[in-house]
């Protein structure tokens, strides 16, 4: 009997329109002590969206509730330093779209982690049975998570040494500061409370993820999941059918488990979440198991990826109070 886990958003998405050159196969995973090769760049860039891009600094020492230096990969996702059983640091994605913390199989082999039972993993691209490993401790800053059983996935699919999922973030606030190029993880009070955030949106929690249910996409009511592990924004077929006149071509997505998923590209002229407004949002529409896992397949919904999130100065994702806080850019 398999346990069933959801690893939804942490995928190096390949957005490749039909007719373009085929994507190159992924390289063999490197040794965990060697720097990983950067994922292939996206072939399609969304125009007219105010997205900031920055060059990240070097790995930083693991700290407590103070900001942790972030590192951006070529898919604009953010990683932080994580310790495993007193060793490290290793680079892990912070993924608010993933229910489960993950370790790369290469790193598990290097550390000699104890094997656990196989589990069933639901990714953006499909469902897989994967091996697991047992962790005595996983350390993020001064906080330690003991006794975890984590799925093992290939490093060249993850694009990092592992993924910090929402199972390790439930009593935490995650602050993405795109101006300072930092991630801070801690309690809300130590991270400044609501100070400096112009807009606060309440969310519902489902399977560990926070879902904003009051969004409008070109006037269509929709659900939105903030997905810091995904470079691109992914929409379900219900939304695609509702805005089908915005079709812009076909594409393929590569999930964190290595599945390829066909998708259609389209643009939303306006995305509104309470008083938060975004324009010309590029969306890859797909019949992804991720939506079914959260029971979002019938109502229009998106996983909002990092390229859109970078339009803001800061975003705080507070799992304790179920709120998303937005620090708006100047002139907005």
Protein backbone atom coordinates (compact mmCIF):
# COMPACT_ATOMS: atom_id res chain seq x y z
CA UNK A 1 0.00 0.00 0.00
CA UNK A 2 1.50 3.33 -1.06
CA UNK A 3 1.22 6.59 0.78
CA UNK A 4 0.19 9.39 -1.57
CA UNK A 5 2.05 12.70 -1.58
CA UNK A 6 1.74 15.78 -3.75
CA UNK A 7 4.78 17.54 -5.20
CA UNK A 8 3.14 20.03 -7.47
CA UNK A 9 4.98 23.16 -8.24
CA UNK A 10 8.70 22.52 -8.19
CA UNK A 11 9.37 21.87 -11.81
CA UNK A 12 11.92 23.32 -14.18
CA UNK A 13 9.17 24.11 -16.68
CA UNK A 14 10.02 23.89 -20.36
CA UNK A 15 7.83 26.30 -22.29
CA UNK A 16 8.55 25.44 -25.90
CA UNK A 17 6.11 26.44 -28.64
CA UNK A 18 5.32 23.88 -31.32
CA UNK A 19 7.62 24.10 -34.28
CA UNK A 20 10.63 25.30 -32.30
CA UNK A 21 13.79 23.29 -31.87
CA UNK A 22 13.33 20.24 -29.62
CA UNK A 23 14.57 20.48 -26.06
CA UNK A 24 17.87 18.81 -25.31
CA UNK A 25 17.73 15.77 -23.01
CA UNK A 26 18.75 16.48 -19.42
CA UNK A 27 22.35 15.94 -18.48
CA UNK A 28 23.34 13.26 -16.00
CA UNK A 29 22.97 14.45 -12.40
CA UNK A 30 26.20 15.88 -10.99
CA UNK A 31 27.83 14.86 -7.74
CA UNK A 32 26.09 16.72 -4.87
CA UNK A 33 29.35 18.41 -3.90
CA UNK A 34 29.74 19.88 -7.38
CA UNK A 35 27.72 22.87 -8.62
CA UNK A 36 24.70 21.89 -10.68
CA UNK A 37 24.50 22.93 -14.33
CA UNK A 38 21.79 25.56 -14.85
CA UNK A 39 18.44 24.36 -16.26
CA UNK A 40 17.67 25.20 -19.87
CA UNK A 41 16.26 28.74 -20.23
CA UNK A 42 12.63 29.24 -21.09
CA UNK A 43 11.99 29.61 -24.78
CA UNK A 44 9.04 31.96 -24.24
CA UNK A 45 9.14 35.13 -22.15
CA UNK A 46 5.95 36.96 -21.11
CA UNK A 47 5.91 40.50 -22.52
CA UNK A 48 4.74 43.58 -20.65
CA UNK A 49 4.95 42.04 -17.20
CA UNK A 50 7.08 43.99 -14.74
CA UNK A 51 9.31 41.15 -13.63
CA UNK A 52 12.58 41.87 -11.84
CA UNK A 53 15.60 39.66 -12.51
CA UNK A 54 18.58 39.62 -10.24
CA UNK A 55 21.90 37.86 -9.89
CA UNK A 56 22.06 35.96 -6.61
CA UNK A 57 24.86 36.05 -4.12
CA UNK A 58 26.93 33.17 -2.79
CA UNK A 59 25.68 30.58 -0.33
CA UNK A 60 25.22 32.08 3.11
CA UNK A 61 25.51 30.64 6.56
CA UNK A 62 22.29 29.12 7.84
CA UNK A 63 20.61 31.60 10.17
CA UNK A 64 17.53 31.55 12.34
CA UNK A 65 14.68 33.97 11.75
CA UNK A 66 16.97 36.47 10.05
CA UNK A 67 16.88 36.68 6.23
CA UNK A 68 18.56 33.78 4.46
CA UNK A 69 20.48 34.70 1.32
CA UNK A 70 18.62 33.41 -1.70
CA UNK A 71 20.06 31.98 -4.87
CA UNK A 72 18.11 32.14 -8.12
CA UNK A 73 18.34 29.50 -10.83
CA UNK A 74 17.81 30.13 -14.53
CA UNK A 75 14.09 29.44 -14.04
CA UNK A 76 13.89 32.34 -11.53
CA UNK A 77 13.13 30.03 -8.62
CA UNK A 78 14.77 30.62 -5.23
CA UNK A 79 16.86 28.23 -3.15
CA UNK A 80 18.16 28.40 0.41
CA UNK A 81 20.79 26.64 2.49
CA UNK A 82 19.53 23.55 4.36
CA UNK A 83 21.31 21.18 6.73
CA UNK A 84 20.70 17.43 6.85
CA UNK A 85 21.70 15.50 9.98
CA UNK A 86 24.36 18.07 10.82
CA UNK A 87 25.87 18.17 7.34
CA UNK A 88 25.64 20.75 4.61
CA UNK A 89 24.59 23.32 3.68
CA UNK A 90 22.76 22.07 0.60
CA UNK A 91 20.67 24.08 -1.84
CA UNK A 92 16.92 23.43 -1.51
CA UNK A 93 14.04 25.09 -3.34
CA UNK A 94 11.44 26.79 -1.17
CA UNK A 95 8.27 25.48 -2.78
CA UNK A 96 4.91 26.67 -1.49
CA UNK A 97 3.19 24.61 -4.19
CA UNK A 98 4.60 21.31 -2.95
CA UNK A 99 2.99 19.42 -0.09
CA UNK A 100 6.13 17.39 0.61
CA UNK A 101 9.80 17.98 1.33
CA UNK A 102 12.06 16.12 -1.13
CA UNK A 103 15.74 15.13 -1.29
CA UNK A 104 17.61 14.32 -4.49
CA UNK A 105 18.54 10.66 -4.89
CA UNK A 106 22.17 11.64 -5.51
CA UNK A 107 22.39 13.51 -2.20
CA UNK A 108 20.66 10.66 -0.35
CA UNK A 109 23.27 8.26 -1.73
CA UNK A 110 26.16 10.50 -0.73
CA UNK A 111 24.80 10.90 2.82
CA UNK A 112 23.99 7.19 3.13
CA UNK A 113 20.40 7.86 4.20
CA UNK A 114 18.28 4.94 5.41
CA UNK A 115 15.79 3.68 2.83
CA UNK A 116 12.09 4.14 3.55
CA UNK A 117 8.93 2.66 2.00
CA UNK A 118 7.94 3.61 -1.56
CA UNK A 119 5.35 6.35 -1.93
CA UNK A 120 3.05 7.57 -4.65
CA UNK A 121 3.90 11.09 -5.78
CA UNK A 122 1.54 13.43 -7.63
CA UNK A 123 3.46 16.02 -9.64
CA UNK A 124 2.34 18.65 -12.12
CA UNK A 125 2.97 16.16 -14.92
CA UNK A 126 1.82 12.80 -13.60
CA UNK A 127 1.72 10.19 -10.85
CA UNK A 128 4.78 8.09 -9.96
CA UNK A 129 5.88 5.50 -7.42
CA UNK A 130 9.21 6.64 -5.96
CA UNK A 131 11.68 5.52 -3.31
CA UNK A 132 12.01 7.37 -0.01
CA UNK A 133 14.64 7.95 2.65
CA UNK A 134 14.43 8.59 6.36
CA UNK A 135 15.93 11.78 7.82
CA UNK A 136 16.81 12.08 11.49
CA UNK A 137 16.79 15.85 11.10
CA UNK A 138 16.39 18.56 8.48
CA UNK A 139 17.58 21.99 9.57
CA UNK A 140 16.40 25.34 8.19
CA UNK A 141 18.00 28.11 10.15
CA UNK A 142 17.70 27.33 13.86
CA UNK A 143 14.59 25.22 13.37
CA UNK A 144 15.01 21.46 13.08
CA UNK A 145 12.45 19.01 11.70
CA UNK A 146 13.06 15.51 13.10
CA UNK A 147 11.95 12.13 11.81
CA UNK A 148 11.00 12.92 8.21
CA UNK A 149 10.43 10.36 5.46
CA UNK A 150 11.11 12.11 2.16
CA UNK A 151 10.63 11.10 -1.49
CA UNK A 152 13.78 10.81 -3.59
CA UNK A 153 13.78 12.46 -7.03
CA UNK A 154 16.47 13.04 -9.64
CA UNK A 155 18.52 16.18 -9.14
CA UNK A 156 18.44 17.16 -12.81
CA UNK A 157 14.63 17.18 -12.64
CA UNK A 158 14.49 19.13 -9.37
CA UNK A 159 17.22 21.59 -10.32
CA UNK A 160 18.51 21.60 -6.71
CA UNK A 161 19.62 19.27 -3.90
CA UNK A 162 16.05 19.09 -2.66
CA UNK A 163 12.74 20.83 -2.05
CA UNK A 164 11.40 22.37 1.15
CA UNK A 165 7.67 21.70 0.91
CA UNK A 166 4.77 23.02 2.94
CA UNK A 167 5.03 20.11 5.40
CA UNK A 168 8.09 21.95 6.77
CA UNK A 169 6.48 25.41 6.62
CA UNK A 170 3.12 25.01 8.38
CA UNK A 171 4.00 27.06 11.47
CA UNK A 172 6.14 29.53 9.55
CA UNK A 173 6.02 32.68 7.47
CA UNK A 174 8.05 32.76 4.24
CA UNK A 175 9.10 36.23 3.06
CA UNK A 176 10.45 36.64 -0.46
CA UNK A 177 12.24 39.97 -0.76
CA UNK A 178 13.05 40.48 -4.43
CA UNK A 179 14.65 43.86 -3.82
CA UNK A 180 17.23 42.52 -1.35
CA UNK A 181 17.47 39.04 -2.89
CA UNK A 182 16.65 37.27 0.37
CA UNK A 183 14.30 34.69 1.76
CA UNK A 184 13.35 34.85 5.44
CA UNK A 185 11.65 31.98 7.24
CA UNK A 186 10.31 32.41 10.77
CA UNK A 187 7.33 33.55 12.81
CA UNK A 188 5.34 36.57 11.67
CA UNK A 189 6.29 38.82 14.58
CA UNK A 190 10.03 38.31 14.19
CA UNK A 191 9.70 39.06 10.48
CA UNK A 192 7.99 42.43 10.97
CA UNK A 193 4.31 41.53 11.12
CA UNK A 194 2.24 43.44 8.55
CA UNK A 195 4.51 46.50 8.45
CA UNK A 196 5.21 47.74 4.92
CA UNK A 197 2.67 45.52 3.16
CA UNK A 198 -0.03 47.46 1.33
CA UNK A 199 -2.32 44.54 0.53
CA UNK A 200 -3.22 41.52 2.67
CA UNK A 201 -5.23 38.66 1.14
CA UNK A 202 -6.84 35.92 3.21
CA UNK A 203 -6.52 32.38 1.89
CA UNK A 204 -7.94 28.94 2.55
CA UNK A 205 -5.70 26.01 3.41
CA UNK A 206 -6.07 22.72 1.58
CA UNK A 207 -3.59 19.82 1.82
CA UNK A 208 -1.02 22.21 3.29
CA UNK A 209 -1.26 24.75 0.47
CA UNK A 210 -2.76 28.25 0.70
CA UNK A 211 -5.43 28.98 -1.93
CA UNK A 212 -6.80 32.44 -2.68
CA UNK A 213 -10.39 32.00 -3.84
CA UNK A 214 -11.37 35.57 -4.72
CA UNK A 215 -9.30 36.17 -7.86
CA UNK A 216 -10.55 37.39 -11.23
CA UNK A 217 -8.76 36.46 -14.46
CA UNK A 218 -10.12 38.56 -17.31
CA UNK A 219 -13.32 38.85 -15.28
CA UNK A 220 -13.56 35.11 -14.61
CA UNK A 221 -13.59 34.07 -10.96
CA UNK A 222 -10.69 31.75 -10.22
CA UNK A 223 -8.61 30.14 -7.48
CA UNK A 224 -4.91 31.00 -7.15
CA UNK A 225 -2.13 29.01 -5.49
CA UNK A 226 1.15 30.89 -4.89
CA UNK A 227 3.79 28.49 -6.23
CA UNK A 228 7.34 29.57 -5.43
CA UNK A 229 8.73 26.32 -6.86
CA UNK A 230 7.49 26.97 -10.39
CA UNK A 231 9.02 29.42 -12.81
CA UNK A 232 5.86 29.63 -14.92
CA UNK A 233 2.17 30.09 -14.25
CA UNK A 234 0.07 26.99 -14.93
CA UNK A 235 -3.70 27.11 -15.54
CA UNK A 236 -6.27 24.33 -15.64
CA UNK A 237 -8.49 23.41 -18.57
CA UNK A 238 -11.55 25.02 -16.99
CA UNK A 239 -9.78 28.38 -17.20
CA UNK A 240 -8.51 27.68 -20.71
CA UNK A 241 -12.05 26.98 -21.92
CA UNK A 242 -13.30 30.18 -20.31
CA UNK A 243 -10.68 32.37 -22.06
CA UNK A 244 -10.14 30.25 -25.19
CA UNK A 245 -9.93 33.30 -27.45
CA UNK A 246 -6.49 34.04 -25.91
CA UNK A 247 -4.77 30.96 -27.42
CA UNK A 248 -1.12 31.66 -28.34
CA UNK A 249 0.33 28.26 -29.28
CA UNK A 250 1.28 24.87 -27.86
CA UNK A 251 4.03 23.96 -25.43
CA UNK A 252 5.42 21.14 -23.29
CA UNK A 253 5.98 21.17 -19.53
CA UNK A 254 8.58 19.03 -17.76
CA UNK A 255 7.58 18.08 -14.22
CA UNK A 256 9.79 17.48 -11.22
CA UNK A 257 9.28 13.73 -11.67
CA UNK A 258 10.42 13.87 -15.29
CA UNK A 259 6.97 13.60 -16.87
CA UNK A 260 6.29 15.64 -20.00
CA UNK A 261 2.89 17.26 -20.20
CA UNK A 262 1.39 18.94 -23.30
CA UNK A 263 -0.01 22.41 -22.67
CA UNK A 264 -1.53 25.33 -24.53
CA UNK A 265 -0.17 28.85 -24.15
CA UNK A 266 -2.39 31.85 -23.61
CA UNK A 267 -2.37 35.34 -22.15
CA UNK A 268 -4.61 36.80 -19.47
CA UNK A 269 -4.95 40.54 -19.99
CA UNK A 270 -5.69 41.12 -16.30
CA UNK A 271 -5.25 39.10 -13.12
CA UNK A 272 -6.87 40.65 -10.06
CA UNK A 273 -6.55 39.30 -6.50
CA UNK A 274 -8.41 41.69 -4.21
CA UNK A 275 -6.54 44.97 -4.86
CA UNK A 276 -3.55 43.27 -6.51
CA UNK A 277 -3.55 43.76 -10.28
CA UNK A 278 -1.28 42.20 -12.91
CA UNK A 279 -1.44 42.49 -16.69
CA UNK A 280 -0.46 40.31 -19.64
CA UNK A 281 0.14 37.13 -17.65
CA UNK A 282 1.46 34.23 -19.72
CA UNK A 283 -0.27 30.97 -18.73
CA UNK A 284 0.47 27.39 -19.76
CA UNK A 285 -2.84 25.49 -19.70
CA UNK A 286 -2.68 21.77 -18.94
CA UNK A 287 -4.77 18.86 -17.67
CA UNK A 288 -2.41 18.49 -14.70
CA UNK A 289 -2.97 15.97 -11.89
CA UNK A 290 -2.01 18.78 -9.49
CA UNK A 291 -5.40 20.43 -10.00
CA UNK A 292 -7.30 17.19 -9.42
CA UNK A 293 -5.30 16.50 -6.25
CA UNK A 294 -6.55 19.80 -4.81
CA UNK A 295 -10.03 19.36 -6.33
CA UNK A 296 -9.47 22.44 -8.51
CA UNK A 297 -10.10 20.80 -11.88
CA UNK A 298 -13.71 21.98 -12.37
CA UNK A 299 -13.37 25.64 -11.38
CA UNK A 300 -10.88 27.97 -13.15
CA UNK A 301 -7.58 27.95 -11.25
CA UNK A 302 -3.87 28.71 -11.61
CA UNK A 303 -0.59 28.01 -9.88
CA UNK A 304 1.01 31.47 -9.94
CA UNK A 305 4.73 31.11 -10.71
CA UNK A 306 7.85 33.06 -9.86
CA UNK A 307 8.09 35.19 -13.01
CA UNK A 308 4.82 36.86 -12.08
CA UNK A 309 5.65 37.07 -8.36
CA UNK A 310 8.82 39.01 -9.14
CA UNK A 311 6.67 41.98 -10.14
CA UNK A 312 6.37 42.76 -6.41
CA UNK A 313 8.94 44.15 -3.96
CA UNK A 314 8.11 41.56 -1.31
CA UNK A 315 5.63 38.76 -0.76
CA UNK A 316 4.97 37.15 2.62
CA UNK A 317 3.26 33.75 2.71
CA UNK A 318 2.00 33.15 6.24
CA UNK A 319 0.88 29.57 6.82
CA UNK A 320 -0.02 30.21 10.47
CA UNK A 321 -2.55 32.98 9.81
CA UNK A 322 -3.44 31.84 6.25
CA UNK A 323 -2.63 35.21 4.74
CA UNK A 324 -0.64 36.40 1.70
CA UNK A 325 0.89 39.87 2.08
CA UNK A 326 2.01 41.99 -0.89
CA UNK A 327 4.51 44.86 -0.86
CA UNK A 328 3.70 46.72 -4.05
CA UNK A 329 6.29 48.21 -6.43
CA UNK A 330 6.57 51.98 -6.73
CA UNK A 331 4.02 53.56 -9.03
CA UNK A 332 1.54 50.69 -8.77
